Protein backbone atom coordinates (compact mmCIF):
# COMPACT_ATOMS: atom_id res chain seq x y z
CA UNK A 1 0.00 0.00 0.00
CA UNK A 2 1.45 3.38 -0.97
CA UNK A 3 0.60 5.03 2.36
CA UNK A 4 3.25 2.92 4.14
CA UNK A 5 5.89 4.26 1.73
CA UNK A 6 5.15 7.77 3.03
CA UNK A 7 5.37 7.03 6.77
CA UNK A 8 7.37 9.92 8.28
CA UNK A 9 9.18 8.29 11.24
CA UNK A 10 12.20 5.97 11.03
CA UNK A 11 12.45 3.32 13.75
CA UNK A 12 14.97 0.61 14.54
CA UNK A 13 13.31 -2.46 16.09
CA UNK A 14 15.45 -5.19 17.61
CA UNK A 15 14.40 -8.83 17.65
CA UNK A 16 14.23 -10.50 21.05
CA UNK A 17 15.91 -13.94 20.80
CA UNK A 18 16.41 -16.19 23.81
CA UNK A 19 20.05 -16.38 24.96
CA UNK A 20 21.82 -18.46 27.59
CA UNK A 21 21.79 -16.84 31.05
CA UNK A 22 24.87 -18.75 32.27
CA UNK A 23 22.85 -20.81 34.76
CA UNK A 24 21.31 -23.31 32.35
CA UNK A 25 18.26 -21.20 31.52
CA UNK A 26 17.39 -18.66 28.87
CA UNK A 27 16.64 -14.94 29.00
CA UNK A 28 15.57 -12.45 26.30
CA UNK A 29 18.49 -10.83 24.52
CA UNK A 30 18.98 -8.18 21.84
CA UNK A 31 18.96 -9.60 18.32
CA UNK A 32 19.00 -8.44 14.74
CA UNK A 33 18.05 -4.82 14.01
CA UNK A 34 15.26 -3.99 11.53
CA UNK A 35 14.72 -0.50 10.10
CA UNK A 36 11.06 0.34 9.55
CA UNK A 37 9.01 3.42 8.72
CA UNK A 38 5.91 4.14 10.77
CA UNK A 39 3.29 6.63 11.79
CA UNK A 40 3.63 7.57 15.47
CA UNK A 41 0.91 9.12 17.66
CA UNK A 42 1.34 10.38 21.24
CA UNK A 43 -0.88 8.71 23.82
CA UNK A 44 -2.50 10.74 26.60
CA UNK A 45 -1.62 10.09 30.24
CA UNK A 46 -3.63 7.67 32.36
CA UNK A 47 -5.49 8.60 35.56
CA UNK A 48 -2.27 8.35 37.61
CA UNK A 49 -1.15 11.79 36.43
CA UNK A 50 -4.14 13.39 38.15
CA UNK A 51 -2.98 11.77 41.42
CA UNK A 52 0.46 13.35 41.23
CA UNK A 53 2.31 10.47 39.62
CA UNK A 54 4.38 11.25 36.56
CA UNK A 55 3.57 9.29 33.43
CA UNK A 56 6.20 7.93 31.04
CA UNK A 57 6.23 9.25 27.50
CA UNK A 58 4.08 6.84 25.46
CA UNK A 59 3.42 6.56 21.74
CA UNK A 60 1.33 4.36 19.47
CA UNK A 61 3.29 3.06 16.50
CA UNK A 62 1.36 2.14 13.34
CA UNK A 63 3.22 0.30 10.60
CA UNK A 64 2.77 -2.28 7.82
CA UNK A 65 4.61 -4.96 9.82
CA UNK A 66 7.11 -5.08 12.65
CA UNK A 67 9.23 -7.86 14.15
CA UNK A 68 8.44 -6.54 17.64
CA UNK A 69 7.27 -8.43 20.69
CA UNK A 70 6.42 -7.19 24.16
CA UNK A 71 9.57 -5.77 25.83
CA UNK A 72 11.39 -5.42 22.51
CA UNK A 73 13.92 -2.61 22.26
CA UNK A 74 13.13 0.25 19.85
CA UNK A 75 15.18 3.31 18.86
CA UNK A 76 13.39 6.44 17.66
CA UNK A 77 14.77 9.97 17.28
CA UNK A 78 17.96 9.07 19.15
CA UNK A 79 16.11 7.77 22.23
CA UNK A 80 15.55 4.26 23.57
CA UNK A 81 12.02 2.90 23.88
CA UNK A 82 10.39 -0.35 25.02
CA UNK A 83 7.34 -2.06 23.52
CA UNK A 84 5.05 -2.06 26.58
CA UNK A 85 2.05 -3.96 25.19
CA UNK A 86 1.77 -6.97 22.93
CA UNK A 87 1.71 -5.67 19.32
CA UNK A 88 -1.66 -6.13 17.62
CA UNK A 89 -2.16 -7.29 14.05
CA UNK A 90 -5.20 -5.70 12.39
CA UNK A 91 -6.35 -7.75 9.41
CA UNK A 92 -8.82 -6.31 6.97
CA UNK A 93 -7.27 -7.90 3.91
CA UNK A 94 -3.77 -8.70 2.69
CA UNK A 95 -3.47 -5.17 1.31
CA UNK A 96 -4.84 -3.31 4.31
CA UNK A 97 -3.41 -5.23 7.27
CA UNK A 98 -1.22 -3.31 9.70
CA UNK A 99 0.39 -3.60 13.15
CA UNK A 100 -0.01 -1.28 16.14
CA UNK A 101 2.22 -1.25 19.21
CA UNK A 102 2.56 0.98 22.27
CA UNK A 103 6.08 2.10 23.18
CA UNK A 104 7.32 3.81 26.37
CA UNK A 105 10.50 5.76 26.84
CA UNK A 106 13.24 4.00 28.80
CA UNK A 107 14.88 5.63 31.77
């Protein structure tokens, strides 16, 4: 679809392979980097901000496809972000399907 060719934001999404933790188990690691283009929308704060708690910066990422999982590492505009919710695949048809994910700023 031509609209995905005009997405204004460049992102780097890292795969999350399982790696050895040194104790016989496995933990998520940082894998191969994928460059994608996406539309990014800011998300408003939850109710916690009205109670005096500060909210992390959150954005909704909309793209054709993304190799992201929950807790995947993302780089956008020189900052580090984390995928905080399981990415959702929206299927209308093969031409119109897209993925949405919510990312939060690290640190």
